[in-house]
Amino acid sequence: MRGHGWVGLLIIALAEAGLFAGQPLVARWFTPIVWTGYVLFVDALLFHRIGASYLTTARAELVLVVLASIGCWWLFEWYDAPRFWRGGAHRVGLWWQYHGLEPDPWLRRAGYDWSFATIFPALFLTAALLRSAVFRRIPVRPRRPSPALLKASIALGAIFVSVPLLVVNVWLVPLVWTGFVLLLEPLNYRRGRPSWLGALAVGDASLLVALLTSGLVCGVLWEFWNYWAATKWTYTVPYPGGVKVFEMPLVGYLGFPPFALECYAMYHWLRGLLGRLPGALV
């Protein structure tokens, strides 16, 4: 394994040790620290598997992934709290709320951006590693979606991403986690960008399965590490919320697999706006 993988493991171990030793700085910044370690570790594992990774052969793409990750999660924050920028350290969201934030606005913003920067890299590296090590190829009957189906998906996605902004309602969170998939995945497919619809069209479901599994794996780790941190998030959901695994109501874990598909569609749609670029890592 490359050296940065061992550095990542060391960061995770030291973060865990500092957290449980009661080190206040580590406890407040635990989420971005531990996820930085995770990204370094999985990146090195992926390079060991396929000879390519963000930090070794695709550094320029890593910059794009990080910027897209920060920007897209700020978009999700807008959905969760339309008045976010007035909320300061006491922001109240519809579906999730943050606790123990840094009182200084500049440090608070740095903590947000650093944490948000790890989301897409963690999902995509995990998916690429799973696809190389577990889901190398999953043959299925090739299925090409009809033009009518693609148009219907785009229309429905546009409705899904619009309604939660027009009608602020706690029941509408499923629209946020599915709307951009329905809207952008068909657009990526029609333009020949990387897409799991394109992979299914040639009879391979490995990308779809790897992304879904990556969402669940990262989701469990997000909730596991979040549970012990001093700066953390909790949830307010109208669905059955009494049964929790860490801070997340059990039913909420169903949202992580489609969330991975959504992040993938959003990233490749944004990447496609830059024109033709070298092949994506995933």
C-alpha atoms as a PDB file:
ATOM      1  CA  MET A   1       0.000   0.000   0.000  1.00  0.00           C
ATOM      2  CA  ARG A   2       1.208   3.498  -0.821  1.00  0.00           C
ATOM      3  CA  GLY A   3       2.491   5.659   2.012  1.00  0.00           C
ATOM      4  CA  HIS A   4      -0.540   7.935   2.116  1.00  0.00           C
ATOM      5  CA  GLY A   5      -2.685   4.900   2.935  1.00  0.00           C
ATOM      6  CA  TRP A   6      -0.684   4.292   6.104  1.00  0.00           C
ATOM      7  CA  VAL A   7      -0.945   7.998   6.891  1.00  0.00           C
ATOM      8  CA  GLY A   8      -4.717   7.711   6.518  1.00  0.00           C
ATOM      9  CA  LEU A   9      -4.864   4.755   8.890  1.00  0.00           C
ATOM     10  CA  LEU A  10      -2.716   6.647  11.383  1.00  0.00           C
ATOM     11  CA  ILE A  11      -5.003   9.681  11.186  1.00  0.00           C
ATOM     12  CA  ILE A  12      -8.064   7.508  11.859  1.00  0.00           C
ATOM     13  CA  ALA A  13      -6.366   5.781  14.786  1.00  0.00           C
ATOM     14  CA  LEU A  14      -5.107   9.030  16.335  1.00  0.00           C
ATOM     15  CA  ALA A  15      -8.488  10.705  15.852  1.00  0.00           C
ATOM     16  CA  GLU A  16     -10.235   7.827  17.596  1.00  0.00           C
ATOM     17  CA  ALA A  17      -7.671   7.843  20.400  1.00  0.00           C
ATOM     18  CA  GLY A  18      -7.928  11.603  20.856  1.00  0.00           C
ATOM     19  CA  LEU A  19     -11.727  11.481  20.846  1.00  0.00           C
ATOM     20  CA  PHE A  20     -11.995   8.845  23.542  1.00  0.00           C
ATOM     21  CA  ALA A  21      -9.210  10.451  25.557  1.00  0.00           C
ATOM     22  CA  GLY A  22     -11.376  13.561  25.749  1.00  0.00           C
ATOM     23  CA  GLN A  23      -9.127  15.833  23.675  1.00  0.00           C
ATOM     24  CA  PRO A  24     -11.510  18.764  23.005  1.00  0.00           C
ATOM     25  CA  LEU A  25      -9.971  19.984  19.739  1.00  0.00           C
ATOM     26  CA  VAL A  26     -10.098  16.498  18.220  1.00  0.00           C
ATOM     27  CA  ALA A  27     -13.666  16.008  19.477  1.00  0.00           C
ATOM     28  CA  ARG A  28     -14.835  19.248  17.812  1.00  0.00           C
ATOM     29  CA  TRP A  29     -13.053  18.575  14.513  1.00  0.00           C
ATOM     30  CA  PHE A  30     -13.408  14.806  14.567  1.00  0.00           C
ATOM     31  CA  THR A  31     -15.635  14.450  11.482  1.00  0.00           C
ATOM     32  CA  PRO A  32     -13.382  16.171   8.912  1.00  0.00           C
ATOM     33  CA  ILE A  33     -10.243  14.671  10.457  1.00  0.00           C
ATOM     34  CA  VAL A  34     -11.430  11.064  10.437  1.00  0.00           C
ATOM     35  CA  TRP A  35     -12.938  11.333   6.949  1.00  0.00           C
ATOM     36  CA  THR A  36      -9.702  12.773   5.605  1.00  0.00           C
ATOM     37  CA  GLY A  37      -7.981   9.691   6.974  1.00  0.00           C
ATOM     38  CA  TYR A  38     -10.603   7.464   5.366  1.00  0.00           C
ATOM     39  CA  VAL A  39     -10.138   9.110   1.956  1.00  0.00           C
ATOM     40  CA  LEU A  40      -6.360   8.715   2.144  1.00  0.00           C
ATOM     41  CA  PHE A  41      -6.668   5.059   3.154  1.00  0.00           C
ATOM     42  CA  VAL A  42      -9.212   4.048   0.499  1.00  0.00           C
ATOM     43  CA  ASP A  43      -7.345   5.999  -2.186  1.00  0.00           C
ATOM     44  CA  ALA A  44      -4.222   3.961  -1.445  1.00  0.00           C
ATOM     45  CA  LEU A  45      -6.175   0.698  -1.464  1.00  0.00           C
ATOM     46  CA  LEU A  46      -7.661   1.594  -4.840  1.00  0.00           C
ATOM     47  CA  PHE A  47      -4.232   2.350  -6.298  1.00  0.00           C
ATOM     48  CA  HIS A  48      -3.056  -1.034  -5.054  1.00  0.00           C
ATOM     49  CA  ARG A  49      -6.004  -2.673  -6.844  1.00  0.00           C
ATOM     50  CA  ILE A  50      -6.087  -0.872 -10.201  1.00  0.00           C
ATOM     51  CA  GLY A  51      -2.964   1.295 -10.393  1.00  0.00           C
ATOM     52  CA  ALA A  52      -4.978   4.516 -10.383  1.00  0.00           C
ATOM     53  CA  SER A  53      -6.447   6.815  -7.749  1.00  0.00           C
ATOM     54  CA  TYR A  54      -7.168  10.472  -7.093  1.00  0.00           C
ATOM     55  CA  LEU A  55      -3.946  11.164  -5.199  1.00  0.00           C
ATOM     56  CA  THR A  56      -1.635   9.299  -7.569  1.00  0.00           C
ATOM     57  CA  THR A  57      -2.903   9.515 -11.160  1.00  0.00           C
ATOM     58  CA  ALA A  58      -5.965  11.805 -11.096  1.00  0.00           C
ATOM     59  CA  ARG A  59      -5.084  14.787  -8.915  1.00  0.00           C
ATOM     60  CA  ALA A  60      -6.756  17.287 -11.248  1.00  0.00           C
ATOM     61  CA  GLU A  61      -9.974  15.313 -11.053  1.00  0.00           C
ATOM     62  CA  LEU A  62      -9.691  15.219  -7.267  1.00  0.00           C
ATOM     63  CA  VAL A  63      -9.847  19.029  -7.288  1.00  0.00           C
ATOM     64  CA  LEU A  64     -13.057  18.877  -9.351  1.00  0.00           C
ATOM     65  CA  VAL A  65     -14.556  16.219  -7.074  1.00  0.00           C
ATOM     66  CA  VAL A  66     -13.759  18.223  -3.948  1.00  0.00           C
ATOM     67  CA  LEU A  67     -15.207  21.456  -5.365  1.00  0.00           C
ATOM     68  CA  ALA A  68     -18.332  19.641  -6.560  1.00  0.00           C
ATOM     69  CA  SER A  69     -18.676  17.964  -3.168  1.00  0.00           C
ATOM     70  CA  ILE A  70     -18.583  21.271  -1.300  1.00  0.00           C
ATOM     71  CA  GLY A  71     -20.922  23.040  -3.713  1.00  0.00           C
ATOM     72  CA  CYS A  72     -23.492  20.264  -3.914  1.00  0.00           C
ATOM     73  CA  TRP A  73     -23.670  19.801  -0.163  1.00  0.00           C
ATOM     74  CA  TRP A  74     -24.231  23.535   0.304  1.00  0.00           C
ATOM     75  CA  LEU A  75     -27.159  23.057  -2.066  1.00  0.00           C
ATOM     76  CA  PHE A  76     -28.518  20.323   0.201  1.00  0.00           C
ATOM     77  CA  GLU A  77     -28.045  22.646   3.181  1.00  0.00           C
ATOM     78  CA  TRP A  78     -30.228  25.179   1.381  1.00  0.00           C
ATOM     79  CA  TYR A  79     -32.930  22.546   1.044  1.00  0.00           C
ATOM     80  CA  ASP A  80     -32.654  21.671   4.718  1.00  0.00           C
ATOM     81  CA  ALA A  81     -32.665  25.293   5.922  1.00  0.00           C
ATOM     82  CA  PRO A  82     -33.727  27.915   3.359  1.00  0.00           C
ATOM     83  CA  ARG A  83     -32.684  30.614   5.845  1.00  0.00           C
ATOM     84  CA  PHE A  84     -29.316  28.948   6.519  1.00  0.00           C
ATOM     85  CA  TRP A  85     -27.197  32.060   6.064  1.00  0.00           C
ATOM     86  CA  ARG A  86     -29.127  33.807   8.846  1.00  0.00           C
ATOM     87  CA  GLY A  87     -28.788  30.850  11.197  1.00  0.00           C
ATOM     88  CA  GLY A  88     -25.156  31.299  12.232  1.00  0.00           C
ATOM     89  CA  ALA A  89     -24.100  28.963  15.003  1.00  0.00           C
ATOM     90  CA  HIS A  90     -27.741  28.320  15.916  1.00  0.00           C
ATOM     91  CA  ARG A  91     -28.964  27.129  12.532  1.00  0.00           C
ATOM     92  CA  VAL A  92     -32.157  25.053  12.688  1.00  0.00           C
ATOM     93  CA  GLY A  93     -32.835  22.694   9.806  1.00  0.00           C
ATOM     94  CA  LEU A  94     -35.927  20.840   8.715  1.00  0.00           C
ATOM     95  CA  TRP A  95     -34.353  17.391   8.675  1.00  0.00           C
ATOM     96  CA  TRP A  96     -30.937  17.612  10.310  1.00  0.00           C
ATOM     97  CA  GLN A  97     -29.415  19.977  12.841  1.00  0.00           C
ATOM     98  CA  TYR A  98     -25.818  20.629  13.878  1.00  0.00           C
ATOM     99  CA  HIS A  99     -24.616  20.821  17.478  1.00  0.00           C
ATOM    100  CA  GLY A 100     -21.402  21.947  19.113  1.00  0.00           C
ATOM    101  CA  LEU A 101     -20.325  24.178  16.230  1.00  0.00           C
ATOM    102  CA  GLU A 102     -17.362  26.514  16.473  1.00  0.00           C
ATOM    103  CA  PRO A 103     -18.589  29.936  17.674  1.00  0.00           C
ATOM    104  CA  ASP A 104     -16.183  31.799  15.398  1.00  0.00           C
ATOM    105  CA  PRO A 105     -17.868  32.165  11.968  1.00  0.00           C
ATOM    106  CA  TRP A 106     -14.645  31.699  10.004  1.00  0.00           C
ATOM    107  CA  LEU A 107     -13.706  28.515  11.860  1.00  0.00           C
ATOM    108  CA  ARG A 108     -17.292  27.304  11.558  1.00  0.00           C
ATOM    109  CA  ARG A 109     -17.245  27.841   7.794  1.00  0.00           C
ATOM    110  CA  ALA A 110     -13.861  26.093   7.530  1.00  0.00           C
ATOM    111  CA  GLY A 111     -15.286  23.133   9.427  1.00  0.00           C
ATOM    112  CA  TYR A 112     -18.295  22.959   7.128  1.00  0.00           C
ATOM    113  CA  ASP A 113     -16.247  23.151   3.931  1.00  0.00           C
ATOM    114  CA  TRP A 114     -13.616  20.662   5.106  1.00  0.00           C
ATOM    115  CA  SER A 115     -16.293  18.165   6.107  1.00  0.00           C
ATOM    116  CA  PHE A 116     -18.298  18.669   2.911  1.00  0.00           C
ATOM    117  CA  ALA A 117     -15.126  18.269   0.813  1.00  0.00           C
ATOM    118  CA  THR A 118     -14.757  14.636   1.904  1.00  0.00           C
ATOM    119  CA  ILE A 119     -18.258  13.447   0.889  1.00  0.00           C
ATOM    120  CA  PHE A 120     -17.897  12.868  -2.863  1.00  0.00           C
ATOM    121  CA  PRO A 121     -14.309  11.535  -2.672  1.00  0.00           C
ATOM    122  CA  ALA A 122     -15.310   9.031   0.028  1.00  0.00           C
ATOM    123  CA  LEU A 123     -18.330   7.815  -1.955  1.00  0.00           C
ATOM    124  CA  PHE A 124     -16.567   7.560  -5.298  1.00  0.00           C
ATOM    125  CA  LEU A 125     -13.381   5.947  -3.977  1.00  0.00           C
ATOM    126  CA  THR A 126     -15.422   3.395  -2.039  1.00  0.00           C
ATOM    127  CA  ALA A 127     -17.501   2.623  -5.132  1.00  0.00           C
ATOM    128  CA  ALA A 128     -14.401   2.259  -7.310  1.00  0.00           C
ATOM    129  CA  LEU A 129     -12.750  -0.029  -4.743  1.00  0.00           C
ATOM    130  CA  LEU A 130     -15.889  -2.161  -4.424  1.00  0.00           C
ATOM    131  CA  ARG A 131     -16.191  -2.389  -8.189  1.00  0.00           C
ATOM    132  CA  SER A 132     -12.584  -3.501  -8.569  1.00  0.00           C
ATOM    133  CA  ALA A 133     -12.541  -5.963  -5.671  1.00  0.00           C
ATOM    134  CA  VAL A 134     -16.102  -7.275  -5.322  1.00  0.00           C
ATOM    135  CA  PHE A 135     -18.384  -6.247  -8.188  1.00  0.00           C
ATOM    136  CA  ARG A 136     -15.990  -6.616 -11.107  1.00  0.00           C
ATOM    137  CA  ARG A 137     -18.781  -7.281 -13.560  1.00  0.00           C
ATOM    138  CA  ILE A 138     -22.431  -8.090 -13.007  1.00  0.00           C
ATOM    139  CA  PRO A 139     -23.851  -9.161 -16.350  1.00  0.00           C
ATOM    140  CA  VAL A 140     -27.487  -8.312 -16.978  1.00  0.00           C
ATOM    141  CA  ARG A 141     -29.667  -8.148 -20.047  1.00  0.00           C
ATOM    142  CA  PRO A 142     -28.796  -4.886 -21.869  1.00  0.00           C
ATOM    143  CA  ARG A 143     -31.597  -2.389 -21.402  1.00  0.00           C
ATOM    144  CA  ARG A 144     -31.701   0.954 -23.162  1.00  0.00           C
ATOM    145  CA  PRO A 145     -34.279   3.356 -21.725  1.00  0.00           C
ATOM    146  CA  SER A 146     -36.661   4.729 -24.310  1.00  0.00           C
ATOM    147  CA  PRO A 147     -36.624   8.448 -25.171  1.00  0.00           C
ATOM    148  CA  ALA A 148     -40.088   8.748 -23.640  1.00  0.00           C
ATOM    149  CA  LEU A 149     -38.910   7.211 -20.371  1.00  0.00           C
ATOM    150  CA  LEU A 150     -35.908   9.525 -20.234  1.00  0.00           C
ATOM    151  CA  LYS A 151     -38.112  12.572 -20.793  1.00  0.00           C
ATOM    152  CA  ALA A 152     -40.550  11.422 -18.116  1.00  0.00           C
ATOM    153  CA  SER A 153     -37.691  10.925 -15.652  1.00  0.00           C
ATOM    154  CA  ILE A 154     -36.289  14.392 -16.375  1.00  0.00           C
ATOM    155  CA  ALA A 155     -39.717  15.982 -15.925  1.00  0.00           C
ATOM    156  CA  LEU A 156     -40.368  14.120 -12.675  1.00  0.00           C
ATOM    157  CA  GLY A 157     -36.898  15.001 -11.393  1.00  0.00           C
ATOM    158  CA  ALA A 158     -37.482  18.673 -12.136  1.00  0.00           C
ATOM    159  CA  ILE A 159     -40.679  18.520 -10.091  1.00  0.00           C
ATOM    160  CA  PHE A 160     -38.965  16.694  -7.232  1.00  0.00           C
ATOM    161  CA  VAL A 161     -36.101  19.209  -6.940  1.00  0.00           C
ATOM    162  CA  SER A 162     -38.466  22.195  -7.187  1.00  0.00           C
ATOM    163  CA  VAL A 163     -41.252  21.272  -4.791  1.00  0.00           C
ATOM    164  CA  PRO A 164     -39.150  21.172  -1.557  1.00  0.00           C
ATOM    165  CA  LEU A 165     -37.945  24.713  -2.266  1.00  0.00           C
ATOM    166  CA  LEU A 166     -41.439  25.992  -2.968  1.00  0.00           C
ATOM    167  CA  VAL A 167     -43.167  24.104  -0.150  1.00  0.00           C
ATOM    168  CA  VAL A 168     -41.035  23.906   2.992  1.00  0.00           C
ATOM    169  CA  ASN A 169     -42.302  20.710   4.589  1.00  0.00           C
ATOM    170  CA  VAL A 170     -40.591  18.110   6.739  1.00  0.00           C
ATOM    171  CA  TRP A 171     -42.254  15.251   4.823  1.00  0.00           C
ATOM    172  CA  LEU A 172     -40.554  16.080   1.522  1.00  0.00           C
ATOM    173  CA  VAL A 173     -36.997  14.919   2.210  1.00  0.00           C
ATOM    174  CA  PRO A 174     -37.332  11.813  -0.069  1.00  0.00           C
ATOM    175  CA  LEU A 175     -37.779  14.182  -3.019  1.00  0.00           C
ATOM    176  CA  VAL A 176     -34.433  15.819  -2.249  1.00  0.00           C
ATOM    177  CA  TRP A 177     -32.561  12.481  -2.223  1.00  0.00           C
ATOM    178  CA  THR A 178     -34.116  11.227  -5.473  1.00  0.00           C
ATOM    179  CA  GLY A 179     -34.888  14.314  -7.554  1.00  0.00           C
ATOM    180  CA  PHE A 180     -31.401  14.961  -8.907  1.00  0.00           C
ATOM    181  CA  VAL A 181     -30.973  11.298  -9.877  1.00  0.00           C
ATOM    182  CA  LEU A 182     -34.158  11.405 -11.933  1.00  0.00           C
ATOM    183  CA  LEU A 183     -33.229  14.768 -13.441  1.00  0.00           C
ATOM    184  CA  LEU A 184     -29.514  14.468 -14.184  1.00  0.00           C
ATOM    185  CA  GLU A 185     -28.813  10.766 -14.767  1.00  0.00           C
ATOM    186  CA  PRO A 186     -30.863  10.731 -18.027  1.00  0.00           C
ATOM    187  CA  LEU A 187     -29.107  13.906 -19.162  1.00  0.00           C
ATOM    188  CA  ASN A 188     -25.703  12.317 -18.535  1.00  0.00           C
ATOM    189  CA  TYR A 189     -26.793   9.181 -20.357  1.00  0.00           C
ATOM    190  CA  ARG A 190     -28.053  11.087 -23.407  1.00  0.00           C
ATOM    191  CA  ARG A 191     -24.805  13.065 -23.662  1.00  0.00           C
ATOM    192  CA  GLY A 192     -22.558  10.019 -23.326  1.00  0.00           C
ATOM    193  CA  ARG A 193     -21.154  10.994 -19.955  1.00  0.00           C
ATOM    194  CA  PRO A 194     -20.340   8.361 -17.313  1.00  0.00           C
ATOM    195  CA  SER A 195     -23.630   6.957 -16.030  1.00  0.00           C
ATOM    196  CA  TRP A 196     -24.973   3.758 -14.562  1.00  0.00           C
ATOM    197  CA  LEU A 197     -27.784   3.914 -17.133  1.00  0.00           C
ATOM    198  CA  GLY A 198     -25.105   3.705 -19.811  1.00  0.00           C
ATOM    199  CA  ALA A 199     -23.520   0.743 -18.062  1.00  0.00           C
ATOM    200  CA  LEU A 200     -26.876  -1.048 -17.867  1.00  0.00           C
ATOM    201  CA  ALA A 201     -27.411  -0.348 -21.565  1.00  0.00           C
ATOM    202  CA  VAL A 202     -24.358  -2.473 -22.378  1.00  0.00           C
ATOM    203  CA  GLY A 203     -25.327  -5.211 -19.923  1.00  0.00           C
ATOM    204  CA  ASP A 204     -23.213  -4.384 -16.850  1.00  0.00           C
ATOM    205  CA  ALA A 205     -24.799  -3.598 -13.470  1.00  0.00           C
ATOM    206  CA  SER A 206     -21.519  -3.422 -11.535  1.00  0.00           C
ATOM    207  CA  LEU A 207     -21.396   0.380 -11.446  1.00  0.00           C
ATOM    208  CA  LEU A 208     -24.968   0.638 -10.175  1.00  0.00           C
ATOM    209  CA  VAL A 209     -24.440  -1.993  -7.471  1.00  0.00           C
ATOM    210  CA  ALA A 210     -21.077  -0.529  -6.421  1.00  0.00           C
ATOM    211  CA  LEU A 211     -22.567   2.957  -6.036  1.00  0.00           C
ATOM    212  CA  LEU A 212     -25.557   1.697  -4.044  1.00  0.00           C
ATOM    213  CA  THR A 213     -23.291  -0.321  -1.761  1.00  0.00           C
ATOM    214  CA  SER A 214     -20.885   2.581  -1.383  1.00  0.00           C
ATOM    215  CA  GLY A 215     -23.754   4.783  -0.229  1.00  0.00           C
ATOM    216  CA  LEU A 216     -24.705   2.291   2.454  1.00  0.00           C
ATOM    217  CA  VAL A 217     -21.105   1.681   3.594  1.00  0.00           C
ATOM    218  CA  CYS A 218     -20.308   5.383   3.854  1.00  0.00           C
ATOM    219  CA  GLY A 219     -23.707   6.068   5.424  1.00  0.00           C
ATOM    220  CA  VAL A 220     -23.068   3.608   8.240  1.00  0.00           C
ATOM    221  CA  LEU A 221     -19.595   5.087   8.800  1.00  0.00           C
ATOM    222  CA  TRP A 222     -20.957   8.652   8.748  1.00  0.00           C
ATOM    223  CA  GLU A 223     -23.448   7.784  11.449  1.00  0.00           C
ATOM    224  CA  PHE A 224     -21.004   5.673  13.476  1.00  0.00           C
ATOM    225  CA  TRP A 225     -18.324   8.356  13.613  1.00  0.00           C
ATOM    226  CA  ASN A 226     -20.846  11.165  14.030  1.00  0.00           C
ATOM    227  CA  TYR A 227     -22.388   9.519  17.094  1.00  0.00           C
ATOM    228  CA  TRP A 228     -19.240   9.957  19.204  1.00  0.00           C
ATOM    229  CA  ALA A 229     -18.164  13.412  17.976  1.00  0.00           C
ATOM    230  CA  ALA A 230     -18.613  16.603  19.984  1.00  0.00           C
ATOM    231  CA  THR A 231     -19.575  18.580  16.880  1.00  0.00           C
ATOM    232  CA  LYS A 232     -22.301  16.433  15.364  1.00  0.00           C
ATOM    233  CA  TRP A 233     -25.679  16.339  13.676  1.00  0.00           C
ATOM    234  CA  THR A 234     -29.020  14.925  14.762  1.00  0.00           C
ATOM    235  CA  TYR A 235     -32.260  14.339  12.851  1.00  0.00           C
ATOM    236  CA  THR A 236     -35.869  15.411  12.947  1.00  0.00           C
ATOM    237  CA  VAL A 237     -38.023  13.159  10.771  1.00  0.00           C
ATOM    238  CA  PRO A 238     -41.783  12.574  10.745  1.00  0.00           C
ATOM    239  CA  TYR A 239     -41.399   8.922   9.773  1.00  0.00           C
ATOM    240  CA  PRO A 240     -40.966   6.198  12.406  1.00  0.00           C
ATOM    241  CA  GLY A 241     -38.024   7.652  14.277  1.00  0.00           C
ATOM    242  CA  GLY A 242     -38.113   5.860  17.591  1.00  0.00           C
ATOM    243  CA  VAL A 243     -35.805   3.054  16.447  1.00  0.00           C
ATOM    244  CA  LYS A 244     -32.366   4.514  15.863  1.00  0.00           C
ATOM    245  CA  VAL A 245     -28.967   3.182  14.905  1.00  0.00           C
ATOM    246  CA  PHE A 246     -26.616   5.833  16.300  1.00  0.00           C
ATOM    247  CA  GLU A 247     -28.357   9.201  15.637  1.00  0.00           C
ATOM    248  CA  MET A 248     -30.108   8.061  12.441  1.00  0.00           C
ATOM    249  CA  PRO A 249     -33.627   6.585  12.582  1.00  0.00           C
ATOM    250  CA  LEU A 250     -33.419   3.105  11.081  1.00  0.00           C
ATOM    251  CA  VAL A 251     -35.604   3.987   8.104  1.00  0.00           C
ATOM    252  CA  GLY A 252     -33.193   6.797   7.240  1.00  0.00           C
ATOM    253  CA  TYR A 253     -30.512   4.340   6.152  1.00  0.00           C
ATOM    254  CA  LEU A 254     -32.649   3.624   3.087  1.00  0.00           C
ATOM    255  CA  GLY A 255     -31.692   7.077   1.850  1.00  0.00           C
ATOM    256  CA  PHE A 256     -27.948   6.465   1.629  1.00  0.00           C
ATOM    257  CA  PRO A 257     -27.887   4.199  -1.469  1.00  0.00           C
ATOM    258  CA  PRO A 258     -29.909   6.622  -3.661  1.00  0.00           C
ATOM    259  CA  PHE A 259     -27.849   9.481  -2.209  1.00  0.00           C
ATOM    260  CA  ALA A 260     -24.737   7.899  -3.750  1.00  0.00           C
ATOM    261  CA  LEU A 261     -26.478   7.738  -7.133  1.00  0.00           C
ATOM    262  CA  GLU A 262     -27.469  11.371  -6.734  1.00  0.00           C
ATOM    263  CA  CYS A 263     -23.939  12.527  -5.956  1.00  0.00           C
ATOM    264  CA  TYR A 264     -22.616  10.574  -8.935  1.00  0.00           C
ATOM    265  CA  ALA A 265     -25.187  12.112 -11.308  1.00  0.00           C
ATOM    266  CA  MET A 266     -24.587  15.629  -9.975  1.00  0.00           C
ATOM    267  CA  TYR A 267     -20.817  15.340 -10.272  1.00  0.00           C
ATOM    268  CA  HIS A 268     -20.801  14.046 -13.841  1.00  0.00           C
ATOM    269  CA  TRP A 269     -23.364  16.611 -14.926  1.00  0.00           C
ATOM    270  CA  LEU A 270     -21.163  19.392 -13.528  1.00  0.00           C
ATOM    271  CA  ARG A 271     -18.028  17.785 -14.966  1.00  0.00           C
ATOM    272  CA  GLY A 272     -19.699  17.578 -18.362  1.00  0.00           C
ATOM    273  CA  LEU A 273     -20.232  21.348 -18.374  1.00  0.00           C
ATOM    274  CA  LEU A 274     -16.447  21.736 -18.644  1.00  0.00           C
ATOM    275  CA  GLY A 275     -16.387  19.938 -21.994  1.00  0.00           C
ATOM    276  CA  ARG A 276     -14.414  16.844 -22.866  1.00  0.00           C
ATOM    277  CA  LEU A 277     -12.057  15.849 -20.092  1.00  0.00           C
ATOM    278  CA  PRO A 278      -9.884  12.753 -19.609  1.00  0.00           C
ATOM    279  CA  GLY A 279     -11.722   9.671 -18.396  1.00  0.00           C
ATOM    280  CA  ALA A 280     -13.128   9.843 -14.884  1.00  0.00           C
ATOM    281  CA  LEU A 281     -11.845   7.569 -12.138  1.00  0.00           C
ATOM    282  CA  VAL A 282     -15.387   6.293 -11.560  1.00  0.00           C
END
